[in-house]
């Protein structure tokens, strides 16, 4: 977890992605975000995923350390990224993502 871990992420189950492709073939043309309904901060989802995998708790790293090791893109994703909305896909395509078992 970098800094406060405030970067917001969404996830997509592979079967949801396949279903969305199928729905989009018959739905209105457009660009759709195909993600789950729960956007979650890194500080929330990463420990939950580690527990699900029965892995050790994630390590903490300062923003400065992360910049030196992996650069600004990694820092952005971990601290500033904002989640996506699937509202358009739900409304126009009838897309309903499954809940993530591990979150």
PDB file of N, CA and C in Angstrom:
ATOM      1  N   UNK A   1       0.865  -1.164   0.000  1.00  0.00           N
ATOM      2  CA  UNK A   1       0.000   0.000   0.000  1.00  0.00           C
ATOM      3  C   UNK A   1       0.907   1.220   0.000  1.00  0.00           C
ATOM      4  N   UNK A   2       0.657   2.109  -0.906  1.00  0.00           N
ATOM      5  CA  UNK A   2       1.490   3.295  -1.051  1.00  0.00           C
ATOM      6  C   UNK A   2       0.798   4.473  -0.371  1.00  0.00           C
ATOM      7  N   UNK A   3       1.542   5.171   0.474  1.00  0.00           N
ATOM      8  CA  UNK A   3       0.969   6.312   1.184  1.00  0.00           C
ATOM      9  C   UNK A   3      -0.243   5.877   1.984  1.00  0.00           C
ATOM     10  N   UNK A   4      -1.339   6.610   1.806  1.00  0.00           N
ATOM     11  CA  UNK A   4      -2.594   6.268   2.490  1.00  0.00           C
ATOM     12  C   UNK A   4      -3.425   5.248   1.701  1.00  0.00           C
ATOM     13  N   UNK A   5      -2.965   4.885   0.512  1.00  0.00           N
ATOM     14  CA  UNK A   5      -3.689   3.902  -0.298  1.00  0.00           C
ATOM     15  C   UNK A   5      -5.049   4.392  -0.753  1.00  0.00           C
ATOM     16  N   UNK A   6      -5.131   5.665  -1.137  1.00  0.00           N
ATOM     17  CA  UNK A   6      -6.419   6.274  -1.469  1.00  0.00           C
ATOM     18  C   UNK A   6      -6.797   6.183  -2.946  1.00  0.00           C
ATOM     19  N   UNK A   7      -5.971   5.524  -3.760  1.00  0.00           N
ATOM     20  CA  UNK A   7      -6.341   5.303  -5.155  1.00  0.00           C
ATOM     21  C   UNK A   7      -7.526   4.361  -5.215  1.00  0.00           C
ATOM     22  N   UNK A   8      -8.530   4.695  -6.029  1.00  0.00           N
ATOM     23  CA  UNK A   8      -9.775   3.938  -6.098  1.00  0.00           C
ATOM     24  C   UNK A   8      -9.779   3.049  -7.334  1.00  0.00           C
ATOM     25  N   UNK A   9     -10.074   1.780  -7.122  1.00  0.00           N
ATOM     26  CA  UNK A   9     -10.036   0.770  -8.180  1.00  0.00           C
ATOM     27  C   UNK A   9     -11.396   0.099  -8.326  1.00  0.00           C
ATOM     28  N   UNK A  10     -11.655  -0.393  -9.529  1.00  0.00           N
ATOM     29  CA  UNK A  10     -12.766  -1.295  -9.811  1.00  0.00           C
ATOM     30  C   UNK A  10     -12.184  -2.573 -10.390  1.00  0.00           C
ATOM     31  N   UNK A  11     -12.943  -3.623 -10.322  1.00  0.00           N
ATOM     32  CA  UNK A  11     -12.500  -4.902 -10.871  1.00  0.00           C
ATOM     33  C   UNK A  11     -13.591  -5.470 -11.762  1.00  0.00           C
ATOM     34  N   UNK A  12     -13.210  -6.411 -12.602  1.00  0.00           N
ATOM     35  CA  UNK A  12     -14.150  -7.048 -13.518  1.00  0.00           C
ATOM     36  C   UNK A  12     -13.913  -8.541 -13.510  1.00  0.00           C
ATOM     37  N   UNK A  13     -14.945  -9.286 -13.254  1.00  0.00           N
ATOM     38  CA  UNK A  13     -14.857 -10.744 -13.354  1.00  0.00           C
ATOM     39  C   UNK A  13     -14.818 -11.103 -14.833  1.00  0.00           C
ATOM     40  N   UNK A  14     -14.027 -12.081 -15.198  1.00  0.00           N
ATOM     41  CA  UNK A  14     -13.867 -12.447 -16.609  1.00  0.00           C
ATOM     42  C   UNK A  14     -15.207 -12.845 -17.240  1.00  0.00           C
ATOM     43  N   UNK A  15     -16.079 -13.495 -16.479  1.00  0.00           N
ATOM     44  CA  UNK A  15     -17.384 -13.869 -17.027  1.00  0.00           C
ATOM     45  C   UNK A  15     -18.275 -12.645 -17.229  1.00  0.00           C
ATOM     46  N   UNK A  16     -18.116 -11.631 -16.372  1.00  0.00           N
ATOM     47  CA  UNK A  16     -18.850 -10.382 -16.578  1.00  0.00           C
ATOM     48  C   UNK A  16     -18.379  -9.700 -17.861  1.00  0.00           C
ATOM     49  N   UNK A  17     -17.084  -9.719 -18.102  1.00  0.00           N
ATOM     50  CA  UNK A  17     -16.557  -9.113 -19.330  1.00  0.00           C
ATOM     51  C   UNK A  17     -17.129  -9.814 -20.555  1.00  0.00           C
ATOM     52  N   UNK A  18     -17.171 -11.138 -20.525  1.00  0.00           N
ATOM     53  CA  UNK A  18     -17.720 -11.892 -21.657  1.00  0.00           C
ATOM     54  C   UNK A  18     -19.210 -11.590 -21.840  1.00  0.00           C
ATOM     55  N   UNK A  19     -19.939 -11.519 -20.743  1.00  0.00           N
ATOM     56  CA  UNK A  19     -21.367 -11.204 -20.827  1.00  0.00           C
ATOM     57  C   UNK A  19     -21.581  -9.806 -21.410  1.00  0.00           C
ATOM     58  N   UNK A  20     -20.759  -8.856 -20.994  1.00  0.00           N
ATOM     59  CA  UNK A  20     -20.892  -7.490 -21.495  1.00  0.00           C
ATOM     60  C   UNK A  20     -20.642  -7.419 -22.996  1.00  0.00           C
ATOM     61  N   UNK A  21     -19.683  -8.182 -23.486  1.00  0.00           N
ATOM     62  CA  UNK A  21     -19.440  -8.218 -24.927  1.00  0.00           C
ATOM     63  C   UNK A  21     -20.681  -8.736 -25.637  1.00  0.00           C
ATOM     64  N   UNK A  22     -21.251  -9.805 -25.121  1.00  0.00           N
ATOM     65  CA  UNK A  22     -22.457 -10.370 -25.710  1.00  0.00           C
ATOM     66  C   UNK A  22     -23.612  -9.366 -25.697  1.00  0.00           C
ATOM     67  N   UNK A  23     -23.826  -8.706 -24.564  1.00  0.00           N
ATOM     68  CA  UNK A  23     -24.887  -7.704 -24.460  1.00  0.00           C
ATOM     69  C   UNK A  23     -24.666  -6.539 -25.412  1.00  0.00           C
ATOM     70  N   UNK A  24     -23.410  -6.151 -25.589  1.00  0.00           N
ATOM     71  CA  UNK A  24     -23.118  -4.989 -26.431  1.00  0.00           C
ATOM     72  C   UNK A  24     -23.352  -5.265 -27.914  1.00  0.00           C
ATOM     73  N   UNK A  25     -23.326  -6.518 -28.312  1.00  0.00           N
ATOM     74  CA  UNK A  25     -23.562  -6.851 -29.717  1.00  0.00           C
ATOM     75  C   UNK A  25     -24.992  -6.533 -30.139  1.00  0.00           C
ATOM     76  N   UNK A  26     -25.911  -6.579 -29.178  1.00  0.00           N
ATOM     77  CA  UNK A  26     -27.314  -6.299 -29.503  1.00  0.00           C
ATOM     78  C   UNK A  26     -27.808  -4.993 -28.904  1.00  0.00           C
ATOM     79  N   UNK A  27     -26.993  -4.341 -28.101  1.00  0.00           N
ATOM     80  CA  UNK A  27     -27.397  -3.100 -27.450  1.00  0.00           C
ATOM     81  C   UNK A  27     -26.996  -1.892 -28.265  1.00  0.00           C
ATOM     82  N   UNK A  28     -27.286  -0.721 -27.733  1.00  0.00           N
ATOM     83  CA  UNK A  28     -26.905   0.513 -28.423  1.00  0.00           C
ATOM     84  C   UNK A  28     -25.386   0.622 -28.564  1.00  0.00           C
ATOM     85  N   UNK A  29     -24.947   1.140 -29.707  1.00  0.00           N
ATOM     86  CA  UNK A  29     -23.520   1.357 -29.891  1.00  0.00           C
ATOM     87  C   UNK A  29     -23.040   2.406 -28.897  1.00  0.00           C
ATOM     88  N   UNK A  30     -21.827   2.227 -28.437  1.00  0.00           N
ATOM     89  CA  UNK A  30     -21.273   3.198 -27.513  1.00  0.00           C
ATOM     90  C   UNK A  30     -20.063   2.648 -26.799  1.00  0.00           C
ATOM     91  N   UNK A  31     -19.528   3.451 -25.922  1.00  0.00           N
ATOM     92  CA  UNK A  31     -18.389   3.068 -25.102  1.00  0.00           C
ATOM     93  C   UNK A  31     -18.909   2.832 -23.694  1.00  0.00           C
ATOM     94  N   UNK A  32     -18.554   1.694 -23.124  1.00  0.00           N
ATOM     95  CA  UNK A  32     -19.077   1.301 -21.818  1.00  0.00           C
ATOM     96  C   UNK A  32     -17.936   0.931 -20.877  1.00  0.00           C
ATOM     97  N   UNK A  33     -18.072   1.311 -19.624  1.00  0.00           N
ATOM     98  CA  UNK A  33     -17.183   0.813 -18.578  1.00  0.00           C
ATOM     99  C   UNK A  33     -17.792  -0.479 -18.050  1.00  0.00           C
ATOM    100  N   UNK A  34     -17.028  -1.544 -18.116  1.00  0.00           N
ATOM    101  CA  UNK A  34     -17.499  -2.827 -17.610  1.00  0.00           C
ATOM    102  C   UNK A  34     -16.690  -3.134 -16.366  1.00  0.00           C
ATOM    103  N   UNK A  35     -17.271  -2.775 -15.232  1.00  0.00           N
ATOM    104  CA  UNK A  35     -16.609  -2.937 -13.938  1.00  0.00           C
ATOM    105  C   UNK A  35     -17.645  -3.379 -12.909  1.00  0.00           C
ATOM    106  N   UNK A  36     -17.154  -3.804 -11.746  1.00  0.00           N
ATOM    107  CA  UNK A  36     -18.082  -4.159 -10.680  1.00  0.00           C
ATOM    108  C   UNK A  36     -18.709  -2.889 -10.092  1.00  0.00           C
ATOM    109  N   UNK A  37     -19.675  -3.075  -9.203  1.00  0.00           N
ATOM    110  CA  UNK A  37     -20.401  -1.942  -8.634  1.00  0.00           C
ATOM    111  C   UNK A  37     -19.664  -1.251  -7.494  1.00  0.00           C
ATOM    112  N   UNK A  38     -18.630  -1.856  -6.971  1.00  0.00           N
ATOM    113  CA  UNK A  38     -17.976  -1.318  -5.781  1.00  0.00           C
ATOM    114  C   UNK A  38     -16.579  -0.818  -6.131  1.00  0.00           C
ATOM    115  N   UNK A  39     -16.439   0.493  -6.202  1.00  0.00           N
ATOM    116  CA  UNK A  39     -15.114   1.093  -6.349  1.00  0.00           C
ATOM    117  C   UNK A  39     -14.509   1.152  -4.959  1.00  0.00           C
ATOM    118  N   UNK A  40     -13.269   0.719  -4.833  1.00  0.00           N
ATOM    119  CA  UNK A  40     -12.684   0.553  -3.510  1.00  0.00           C
ATOM    120  C   UNK A  40     -11.259   1.094  -3.471  1.00  0.00           C
ATOM    121  N   UNK A  41     -10.930   1.760  -2.370  1.00  0.00           N
ATOM    122  CA  UNK A  41      -9.571   2.275  -2.206  1.00  0.00           C
ATOM    123  C   UNK A  41      -8.581   1.130  -2.034  1.00  0.00           C
ATOM    124  N   UNK A  42      -7.363   1.359  -2.518  1.00  0.00           N
ATOM    125  CA  UNK A  42      -6.313   0.347  -2.402  1.00  0.00           C
ATOM    126  C   UNK A  42      -6.142  -0.126  -0.958  1.00  0.00           C
ATOM    127  N   UNK A  43      -6.243   0.793   0.000  1.00  0.00           N
ATOM    128  CA  UNK A  43      -6.075   0.434   1.411  1.00  0.00           C
ATOM    129  C   UNK A  43      -7.166  -0.517   1.895  1.00  0.00           C
ATOM    130  N   UNK A  44      -8.276  -0.610   1.154  1.00  0.00           N
ATOM    131  CA  UNK A  44      -9.370  -1.532   1.493  1.00  0.00           C
ATOM    132  C   UNK A  44      -9.244  -2.825   0.697  1.00  0.00           C
ATOM    133  N   UNK A  45      -9.120  -2.716  -0.644  1.00  0.00           N
ATOM    134  CA  UNK A  45      -9.179  -3.926  -1.463  1.00  0.00           C
ATOM    135  C   UNK A  45      -7.922  -4.785  -1.363  1.00  0.00           C
ATOM    136  N   UNK A  46      -6.755  -4.170  -1.248  1.00  0.00           N
ATOM    137  CA  UNK A  46      -5.535  -4.977  -1.240  1.00  0.00           C
ATOM    138  C   UNK A  46      -5.439  -5.890  -0.012  1.00  0.00           C
ATOM    139  N   UNK A  47      -5.716  -5.407   1.205  1.00  0.00           N
ATOM    140  CA  UNK A  47      -5.726  -6.323   2.355  1.00  0.00           C
ATOM    141  C   UNK A  47      -6.820  -7.397   2.248  1.00  0.00           C
ATOM    142  N   UNK A  48      -7.988  -7.018   1.696  1.00  0.00           N
ATOM    143  CA  UNK A  48      -9.072  -7.998   1.527  1.00  0.00           C
ATOM    144  C   UNK A  48      -8.646  -9.101   0.561  1.00  0.00           C
ATOM    145  N   UNK A  49      -7.998  -8.717  -0.521  1.00  0.00           N
ATOM    146  CA  UNK A  49      -7.540  -9.709  -1.498  1.00  0.00           C
ATOM    147  C   UNK A  49      -6.458 -10.604  -0.891  1.00  0.00           C
ATOM    148  N   UNK A  50      -5.560 -10.012  -0.124  1.00  0.00           N
ATOM    149  CA  UNK A  50      -4.518 -10.805   0.544  1.00  0.00           C
ATOM    150  C   UNK A  50      -5.155 -11.832   1.493  1.00  0.00           C
ATOM    151  N   UNK A  51      -6.161 -11.400   2.267  1.00  0.00           N
ATOM    152  CA  UNK A  51      -6.848 -12.343   3.173  1.00  0.00           C
ATOM    153  C   UNK A  51      -7.514 -13.459   2.383  1.00  0.00           C
ATOM    154  N   UNK A  52      -8.169 -13.107   1.268  1.00  0.00           N
ATOM    155  CA  UNK A  52      -8.843 -14.100   0.426  1.00  0.00           C
ATOM    156  C   UNK A  52      -7.850 -15.152  -0.077  1.00  0.00           C
ATOM    157  N   UNK A  53      -6.650 -14.704  -0.418  1.00  0.00           N
ATOM    158  CA  UNK A  53      -5.602 -15.612  -0.908  1.00  0.00           C
ATOM    159  C   UNK A  53      -4.832 -16.291   0.218  1.00  0.00           C
ATOM    160  N   UNK A  54      -5.159 -15.919   1.471  1.00  0.00           N
ATOM    161  CA  UNK A  54      -4.413 -16.399   2.639  1.00  0.00           C
ATOM    162  C   UNK A  54      -2.926 -16.022   2.526  1.00  0.00           C
ATOM    163  N   UNK A  55      -2.706 -14.827   2.014  1.00  0.00           N
ATOM    164  CA  UNK A  55      -1.356 -14.276   1.853  1.00  0.00           C
ATOM    165  C   UNK A  55      -1.069 -13.323   3.013  1.00  0.00           C
ATOM    166  N   UNK A  56       0.176 -12.959   3.217  1.00  0.00           N
ATOM    167  CA  UNK A  56       0.500 -11.974   4.260  1.00  0.00           C
ATOM    168  C   UNK A  56      -0.152 -10.621   3.969  1.00  0.00           C
ATOM    169  N   UNK A  57      -0.333  -9.842   5.018  1.00  0.00           N
ATOM    170  CA  UNK A  57      -0.842  -8.475   4.850  1.00  0.00           C
ATOM    171  C   UNK A  57       0.105  -7.706   3.925  1.00  0.00           C
ATOM    172  N   UNK A  58      -0.430  -6.824   3.096  1.00  0.00           N
ATOM    173  CA  UNK A  58       0.437  -6.047   2.196  1.00  0.00           C
ATOM    174  C   UNK A  58       1.365  -5.120   2.972  1.00  0.00           C
ATOM    175  N   UNK A  59       2.520  -4.892   2.409  1.00  0.00           N
ATOM    176  CA  UNK A  59       3.482  -3.977   2.999  1.00  0.00           C
ATOM    177  C   UNK A  59       3.061  -2.542   2.722  1.00  0.00           C
ATOM    178  N   UNK A  60       3.534  -1.632   3.542  1.00  0.00           N
ATOM    179  CA  UNK A  60       3.318  -0.200   3.347  1.00  0.00           C
ATOM    180  C   UNK A  60       4.576   0.395   2.729  1.00  0.00           C
ATOM    181  N   UNK A  61       4.382   1.378   1.876  1.00  0.00           N
ATOM    182  CA  UNK A  61       5.517   2.072   1.273  1.00  0.00           C
ATOM    183  C   UNK A  61       5.150   3.553   1.198  1.00  0.00           C
ATOM    184  N   UNK A  62       6.091   4.413   1.461  1.00  0.00           N
ATOM    185  CA  UNK A  62       5.831   5.857   1.353  1.00  0.00           C
ATOM    186  C   UNK A  62       5.743   6.241  -0.122  1.00  0.00           C
ATOM    187  N   UNK A  63       5.106   7.376  -0.370  1.00  0.00           N
ATOM    188  CA  UNK A  63       5.023   7.898  -1.734  1.00  0.00           C
ATOM    189  C   UNK A  63       6.425   8.128  -2.282  1.00  0.00           C
ATOM    190  N   UNK A  64       7.307   8.672  -1.472  1.00  0.00           N
ATOM    191  CA  UNK A  64       8.680   8.937  -1.913  1.00  0.00           C
ATOM    192  C   UNK A  64       9.380   7.635  -2.321  1.00  0.00           C
ATOM    193  N   UNK A  65       9.238   6.586  -1.498  1.00  0.00           N
ATOM    194  CA  UNK A  65       9.855   5.291  -1.837  1.00  0.00           C
ATOM    195  C   UNK A  65       9.285   4.745  -3.137  1.00  0.00           C
ATOM    196  N   UNK A  66       7.965   4.830  -3.298  1.00  0.00           N
ATOM    197  CA  UNK A  66       7.326   4.306  -4.507  1.00  0.00           C
ATOM    198  C   UNK A  66       7.770   5.072  -5.746  1.00  0.00           C
ATOM    199  N   UNK A  67       7.911   6.377  -5.633  1.00  0.00           N
ATOM    200  CA  UNK A  67       8.405   7.175  -6.763  1.00  0.00           C
ATOM    201  C   UNK A  67       9.786   6.702  -7.198  1.00  0.00           C
ATOM    202  N   UNK A  68      10.655   6.457  -6.239  1.00  0.00           N
ATOM    203  CA  UNK A  68      12.012   6.012  -6.558  1.00  0.00           C
ATOM    204  C   UNK A  68      12.033   4.610  -7.152  1.00  0.00           C
ATOM    205  N   UNK A  69      11.185   3.734  -6.660  1.00  0.00           N
ATOM    206  CA  UNK A  69      11.207   2.330  -7.090  1.00  0.00           C
ATOM    207  C   UNK A  69      10.424   2.108  -8.386  1.00  0.00           C
ATOM    208  N   UNK A  70       9.197   2.623  -8.461  1.00  0.00           N
ATOM    209  CA  UNK A  70       8.323   2.309  -9.593  1.00  0.00           C
ATOM    210  C   UNK A  70       7.839   3.509 -10.396  1.00  0.00           C
ATOM    211  N   UNK A  71       8.101   4.723  -9.922  1.00  0.00           N
ATOM    212  CA  UNK A  71       7.773   5.903 -10.705  1.00  0.00           C
ATOM    213  C   UNK A  71       6.387   6.483 -10.468  1.00  0.00           C
ATOM    214  N   UNK A  72       6.085   7.572 -11.172  1.00  0.00           N
ATOM    215  CA  UNK A  72       4.870   8.334 -10.919  1.00  0.00           C
ATOM    216  C   UNK A  72       3.563   7.628 -11.296  1.00  0.00           C
ATOM    217  N   UNK A  73       3.585   6.777 -12.293  1.00  0.00           N
ATOM    218  CA  UNK A  73       2.351   6.079 -12.665  1.00  0.00           C
ATOM    219  C   UNK A  73       1.887   5.176 -11.537  1.00  0.00           C
ATOM    220  N   UNK A  74       2.808   4.476 -10.922  1.00  0.00           N
ATOM    221  CA  UNK A  74       2.474   3.612  -9.801  1.00  0.00           C
ATOM    222  C   UNK A  74       1.925   4.422  -8.625  1.00  0.00           C
ATOM    223  N   UNK A  75       2.546   5.566  -8.349  1.00  0.00           N
ATOM    224  CA  UNK A  75       2.065   6.429  -7.266  1.00  0.00           C
ATOM    225  C   UNK A  75       0.660   6.926  -7.577  1.00  0.00           C
ATOM    226  N   UNK A  76       0.421   7.338  -8.812  1.00  0.00           N
ATOM    227  CA  UNK A  76      -0.906   7.805  -9.206  1.00  0.00           C
ATOM    228  C   UNK A  76      -1.949   6.719  -8.971  1.00  0.00           C
ATOM    229  N   UNK A  77      -1.686   5.520  -9.438  1.00  0.00           N
ATOM    230  CA  UNK A  77      -2.651   4.422  -9.285  1.00  0.00           C
ATOM    231  C   UNK A  77      -2.920   4.091  -7.822  1.00  0.00           C
ATOM    232  N   UNK A  78      -1.907   4.209  -7.005  1.00  0.00           N
ATOM    233  CA  UNK A  78      -2.047   3.853  -5.594  1.00  0.00           C
ATOM    234  C   UNK A  78      -2.662   4.963  -4.749  1.00  0.00           C
ATOM    235  N   UNK A  79      -2.557   6.212  -5.200  1.00  0.00           N
ATOM    236  CA  UNK A  79      -2.962   7.309  -4.324  1.00  0.00           C
ATOM    237  C   UNK A  79      -3.991   8.270  -4.911  1.00  0.00           C
ATOM    238  N   UNK A  80      -4.129   8.318  -6.238  1.00  0.00           N
ATOM    239  CA  UNK A  80      -4.998   9.337  -6.839  1.00  0.00           C
ATOM    240  C   UNK A  80      -6.039   8.796  -7.816  1.00  0.00           C
ATOM    241  N   UNK A  81      -5.853   7.609  -8.336  1.00  0.00           N
ATOM    242  CA  UNK A  81      -6.763   7.077  -9.344  1.00  0.00           C
ATOM    243  C   UNK A  81      -8.190   7.041  -8.800  1.00  0.00           C
ATOM    244  N   UNK A  82      -9.145   7.312  -9.657  1.00  0.00           N
ATOM    245  CA  UNK A  82     -10.548   7.297  -9.284  1.00  0.00           C
ATOM    246  C   UNK A  82     -11.254   6.162  -9.990  1.00  0.00           C
ATOM    247  N   UNK A  83     -12.175   5.532  -9.328  1.00  0.00           N
ATOM    248  CA  UNK A  83     -12.896   4.396  -9.888  1.00  0.00           C
ATOM    249  C   UNK A  83     -13.787   4.797 -11.049  1.00  0.00           C
ATOM    250  N   UNK A  84     -14.263   3.790 -11.738  1.00  0.00           N
ATOM    251  CA  UNK A  84     -15.128   3.987 -12.897  1.00  0.00           C
ATOM    252  C   UNK A  84     -16.572   3.653 -12.530  1.00  0.00           C
ATOM    253  N   UNK A  85     -17.486   4.140 -13.321  1.00  0.00           N
ATOM    254  CA  UNK A  85     -18.905   3.848 -13.133  1.00  0.00           C
ATOM    255  C   UNK A  85     -19.396   2.962 -14.275  1.00  0.00           C
ATOM    256  N   UNK A  86     -20.188   1.971 -13.928  1.00  0.00           N
ATOM    257  CA  UNK A  86     -20.786   1.107 -14.948  1.00  0.00           C
ATOM    258  C   UNK A  86     -22.250   1.469 -15.184  1.00  0.00           C
ATOM    259  N   UNK A  87     -22.659   2.628 -14.717  1.00  0.00           N
ATOM    260  CA  UNK A  87     -24.066   3.037 -14.789  1.00  0.00           C
ATOM    261  C   UNK A  87     -24.622   2.954 -16.214  1.00  0.00           C
ATOM    262  N   UNK A  88     -23.866   3.415 -17.188  1.00  0.00           N
ATOM    263  CA  UNK A  88     -24.337   3.402 -18.579  1.00  0.00           C
ATOM    264  C   UNK A  88     -24.548   1.967 -19.063  1.00  0.00           C
ATOM    265  N   UNK A  89     -23.629   1.070 -18.737  1.00  0.00           N
ATOM    266  CA  UNK A  89     -23.768  -0.333 -19.152  1.00  0.00           C
ATOM    267  C   UNK A  89     -24.962  -0.988 -18.466  1.00  0.00           C
ATOM    268  N   UNK A  90     -25.173  -0.667 -17.201  1.00  0.00           N
ATOM    269  CA  UNK A  90     -26.338  -1.214 -16.498  1.00  0.00           C
ATOM    270  C   UNK A  90     -27.635  -0.703 -17.121  1.00  0.00           C
ATOM    271  N   UNK A  91     -27.676   0.590 -17.401  1.00  0.00           N
ATOM    272  CA  UNK A  91     -28.887   1.219 -17.949  1.00  0.00           C
ATOM    273  C   UNK A  91     -29.156   0.782 -19.393  1.00  0.00           C
ATOM    274  N   UNK A  92     -28.145   0.876 -20.255  1.00  0.00           N
ATOM    275  CA  UNK A  92     -28.362   0.653 -21.685  1.00  0.00           C
ATOM    276  C   UNK A  92     -28.291  -0.806 -22.103  1.00  0.00           C
ATOM    277  N   UNK A  93     -27.485  -1.599 -21.407  1.00  0.00           N
ATOM    278  CA  UNK A  93     -27.285  -2.992 -21.807  1.00  0.00           C
ATOM    279  C   UNK A  93     -27.948  -4.002 -20.864  1.00  0.00           C
ATOM    280  N   UNK A  94     -28.369  -3.531 -19.697  1.00  0.00           N
ATOM    281  CA  UNK A  94     -28.889  -4.461 -18.694  1.00  0.00           C
ATOM    282  C   UNK A  94     -27.777  -5.241 -18.015  1.00  0.00           C
ATOM    283  N   UNK A  95     -26.566  -4.701 -18.047  1.00  0.00           N
ATOM    284  CA  UNK A  95     -25.409  -5.365 -17.443  1.00  0.00           C
ATOM    285  C   UNK A  95     -25.526  -5.342 -15.922  1.00  0.00           C
ATOM    286  N   UNK A  96     -25.388  -6.503 -15.298  1.00  0.00           N
ATOM    287  CA  UNK A  96     -25.418  -6.618 -13.840  1.00  0.00           C
ATOM    288  C   UNK A  96     -24.203  -7.423 -13.389  1.00  0.00           C
ATOM    289  N   UNK A  97     -23.177  -6.751 -12.862  1.00  0.00           N
ATOM    290  CA  UNK A  97     -21.966  -7.465 -12.460  1.00  0.00           C
ATOM    291  C   UNK A  97     -22.200  -8.298 -11.200  1.00  0.00           C
ATOM    292  N   UNK A  98     -21.477  -9.374 -11.126  1.00  0.00           N
ATOM    293  CA  UNK A  98     -21.538 -10.219  -9.928  1.00  0.00           C
ATOM    294  C   UNK A  98     -20.697  -9.598  -8.819  1.00  0.00           C
ATOM    295  N   UNK A  99     -21.062  -9.834  -7.577  1.00  0.00           N
ATOM    296  CA  UNK A  99     -20.217  -9.327  -6.476  1.00  0.00           C
ATOM    297  C   UNK A  99     -18.894 -10.094  -6.435  1.00  0.00           C
ATOM    298  N   UNK A 100     -17.856  -9.424  -6.032  1.00  0.00           N
ATOM    299  CA  UNK A 100     -16.560 -10.078  -5.902  1.00  0.00           C
ATOM    300  C   UNK A 100     -16.518 -10.841  -4.585  1.00  0.00           C
ATOM    301  N   UNK A 101     -16.191 -12.117  -4.639  1.00  0.00           N
ATOM    302  CA  UNK A 101     -16.198 -12.962  -3.443  1.00  0.00           C
ATOM    303  C   UNK A 101     -15.198 -12.481  -2.417  1.00  0.00           C
ATOM    304  N   UNK A 102     -14.114 -11.907  -2.859  1.00  0.00           N
ATOM    305  CA  UNK A 102     -13.037 -11.572  -1.947  1.00  0.00           C
ATOM    306  C   UNK A 102     -13.138 -10.176  -1.362  1.00  0.00           C
ATOM    307  N   UNK A 103     -14.053  -9.348  -1.863  1.00  0.00           N
ATOM    308  CA  UNK A 103     -14.132  -7.971  -1.382  1.00  0.00           C
ATOM    309  C   UNK A 103     -15.277  -7.806  -0.412  1.00  0.00           C
TER     310      UNK A 103
END
